[in-house]
Protein backbone atom coordinates (compact mmCIF):
# COMPACT_ATOMS: atom_id res chain seq x y z
CA MET A 1 0.00 0.00 0.00
CA PHE A 2 2.85 2.42 0.79
CA LYS A 3 4.32 1.95 -2.69
CA ARG A 4 0.98 2.76 -4.25
CA ILE A 5 0.75 6.01 -2.31
CA LYS A 6 4.21 7.01 -3.49
CA PHE A 7 3.25 6.19 -7.07
CA TYR A 8 0.14 8.38 -6.91
CA LEU A 9 1.84 11.25 -5.08
CA LEU A 10 4.76 11.57 -7.47
CA PRO A 11 2.71 12.85 -10.46
CA VAL A 12 0.79 15.22 -8.17
CA ALA A 13 4.03 16.62 -6.72
CA MET A 14 5.52 17.02 -10.20
CA MET A 15 2.43 18.85 -11.47
CA THR A 16 2.47 21.17 -8.46
CA VAL A 17 6.12 22.11 -9.01
CA LEU A 18 5.52 22.61 -12.73
CA SER A 19 2.50 24.82 -12.05
CA LEU A 20 4.40 26.96 -9.55
CA THR A 21 7.33 27.36 -11.95
CA GLN A 22 5.01 28.45 -14.75
CA LEU A 23 3.23 30.88 -12.40
CA VAL A 24 6.48 32.57 -11.36
CA SER A 25 7.86 32.84 -14.89
CA ALA A 26 4.53 34.03 -16.30
CA SER A 27 4.17 36.78 -13.71
CA ALA A 28 7.73 38.03 -14.08
CA GLU A 29 7.88 40.30 -17.10
CA PRO A 30 11.30 41.62 -18.16
CA VAL A 31 13.13 43.46 -15.40
CA ALA A 32 15.02 46.70 -15.94
CA VAL A 33 18.08 47.49 -13.84
CA ILE A 34 17.94 51.26 -13.38
CA VAL A 35 20.17 54.09 -12.19
CA ASN A 36 19.57 57.79 -11.72
CA SER A 37 19.46 59.68 -15.03
CA SER A 38 22.46 61.80 -13.98
CA ASN A 39 24.65 58.70 -13.63
CA ASP A 40 27.20 58.64 -16.49
CA ILE A 41 27.29 54.83 -16.73
CA PRO A 42 25.90 53.98 -20.21
CA ALA A 43 25.26 50.29 -19.41
CA LEU A 44 26.22 47.62 -16.92
CA SER A 45 27.15 43.99 -17.49
CA VAL A 46 25.80 41.10 -15.43
CA SER A 47 29.22 40.89 -13.80
CA SER A 48 29.20 44.58 -12.82
CA ILE A 49 25.67 44.43 -11.41
CA LYS A 50 26.61 41.35 -9.41
CA LYS A 51 29.68 43.14 -8.03
CA VAL A 52 27.53 46.10 -6.97
CA TYR A 53 24.93 43.88 -5.26
CA ASN A 54 27.70 41.80 -3.58
CA ASN A 55 29.46 44.93 -2.25
CA ASP A 56 32.56 44.39 -4.38
CA ILE A 57 31.96 47.87 -5.85
CA LEU A 58 30.89 50.57 -3.39
CA ARG A 59 31.24 53.73 -5.51
CA TRP A 60 30.50 54.70 -9.09
CA PRO A 61 33.52 55.67 -11.24
CA ASN A 62 32.79 59.36 -10.51
CA GLY A 63 33.20 58.70 -6.75
CA VAL A 64 29.51 58.87 -5.80
CA PRO A 65 28.57 56.21 -3.20
CA ILE A 66 26.24 53.51 -4.48
CA LEU A 67 22.86 53.12 -2.81
CA ILE A 68 21.36 49.68 -3.55
CA TYR A 69 17.62 48.96 -3.65
CA ASP A 70 16.08 45.49 -3.60
CA LEU A 71 12.48 44.26 -3.83
CA GLY A 72 11.02 41.95 -1.18
CA ILE A 73 11.94 38.27 -1.35
CA ASP A 74 8.42 37.26 -2.35
CA ASN A 75 8.37 39.51 -5.43
CA PRO A 76 8.60 37.67 -8.80
CA HIS A 77 10.86 40.42 -10.19
CA ARG A 78 13.30 39.81 -7.35
CA GLU A 79 13.17 36.08 -8.09
CA LEU A 80 14.15 36.79 -11.70
CA PHE A 81 16.84 39.31 -10.70
CA SER A 82 18.36 37.10 -8.00
CA SER A 83 18.44 33.97 -10.12
CA ARG A 84 19.72 35.55 -13.33
CA ILE A 85 22.12 38.13 -11.89
CA LEU A 86 23.20 36.80 -8.50
CA GLY A 87 22.82 33.10 -9.25
CA ARG A 88 20.86 32.35 -6.07
CA ARG A 89 17.29 32.37 -4.79
CA PRO A 90 16.15 35.51 -2.94
CA GLU A 91 15.92 33.61 0.36
CA LYS A 92 19.58 32.61 0.13
CA ILE A 93 20.59 36.20 -0.65
CA ALA A 94 18.62 37.41 2.39
CA GLU A 95 20.36 34.82 4.58
CA LEU A 96 23.74 35.98 3.27
CA TRP A 97 22.98 39.62 4.11
CA ALA A 98 21.68 38.68 7.56
CA HIS A 99 24.96 36.84 8.21
CA ARG A 100 27.01 39.78 6.92
CA LYS A 101 25.10 42.18 9.19
CA ILE A 102 25.52 39.96 12.25
CA THR A 103 29.25 39.56 11.60
CA ASN A 104 29.67 43.26 10.80
CA GLN A 105 30.74 42.54 7.19
CA ALA A 106 27.89 44.39 5.46
CA LEU A 107 29.58 47.48 4.05
CA ASN A 108 26.66 48.65 1.89
CA PRO A 109 23.63 46.38 2.35
CA PRO A 110 20.70 46.78 -0.02
CA VAL A 111 17.63 48.64 1.18
CA THR A 112 14.64 46.33 0.72
CA ILE A 113 11.49 48.07 -0.48
CA LYS A 114 8.22 46.28 -1.09
CA HIS A 115 6.85 48.38 -3.97
CA GLN A 116 8.45 48.94 -7.38
CA LYS A 117 7.08 52.47 -7.71
CA LEU A 118 8.88 53.48 -4.53
CA ILE A 119 12.16 52.03 -5.82
CA LEU A 120 11.65 53.95 -9.06
CA ARG A 121 11.08 57.17 -7.11
CA ARG A 122 14.08 56.63 -4.82
CA VAL A 123 16.41 55.88 -7.73
CA ALA A 124 15.09 58.99 -9.52
CA LEU A 125 15.87 61.13 -6.47
CA ASN A 126 19.31 59.76 -5.54
CA GLU A 127 22.30 60.24 -7.84
CA GLY A 128 24.09 57.11 -6.61
CA ALA A 129 21.11 54.76 -6.56
CA ILE A 130 20.64 51.48 -8.39
CA GLY A 131 17.59 49.23 -8.35
CA TYR A 132 15.39 47.09 -10.54
CA VAL A 133 11.74 47.27 -11.52
CA SER A 134 9.54 45.94 -14.29
CA LEU A 135 10.59 47.12 -17.72
CA SER A 136 7.16 48.62 -18.39
CA LEU A 137 7.40 50.78 -15.26
CA ALA A 138 10.89 52.12 -16.06
CA SER A 139 10.54 52.61 -19.82
CA ASP A 140 8.94 56.05 -19.92
CA ASN A 141 10.52 57.64 -16.86
CA PRO A 142 12.97 60.45 -17.75
CA ASP A 143 14.46 60.49 -14.22
CA VAL A 144 15.99 57.02 -14.45
CA ARG A 145 18.08 55.26 -17.03
CA ILE A 146 17.89 51.58 -17.89
CA VAL A 147 21.38 50.05 -17.83
CA PHE A 148 20.44 46.39 -18.25
CA ILE A 149 17.35 44.34 -19.13
CA ILE A 150 16.75 40.87 -17.72
CA GLN A 151 14.51 38.67 -19.88
C-alpha cells in the first residue's frame, strides 16, 4: 500500500512544481536594472551588477557612493533578478545579508522596499542609486536610465 501512495503522489508533486514554476515565470515580465538619469554609466554587465549587489563595488567611477535597492523576497521580479544576476534564490541572498550584518561585514547592504514604484522614485531622487523594476514601469521615466534588461 505504501508503494501505491508514493506512485500516486509523485505525479501530483511534479504537477504542483511545474504549475508553480510556470506561475512565477509568467508573472515576471522583463526586469530593468535602473540608475539615476544623472549617472554617467551607459550600461552595466551582469558581472558589474553582481559586483555592486555583492558589495565588491561601493562607488561609481565618478566617486559617488552607491545606494542599492532590492524588492522583497516574495516579489517575482526579485526572483528573476536574484536567479539571473546573483545566481541564487532571494531567500539565500537574504540569509547571506543577515549573516554579513551579524558579523559586521555588510559594508553597503541593499535597502529592501516592497513596492516597485517606490524604488523607481528613490532611484530617480538619488544620484548614486541602483535598483530594478519591471521594464514597463521604467521605460517612460525620464528620471531614471535603464542600464540592463533581464529577460
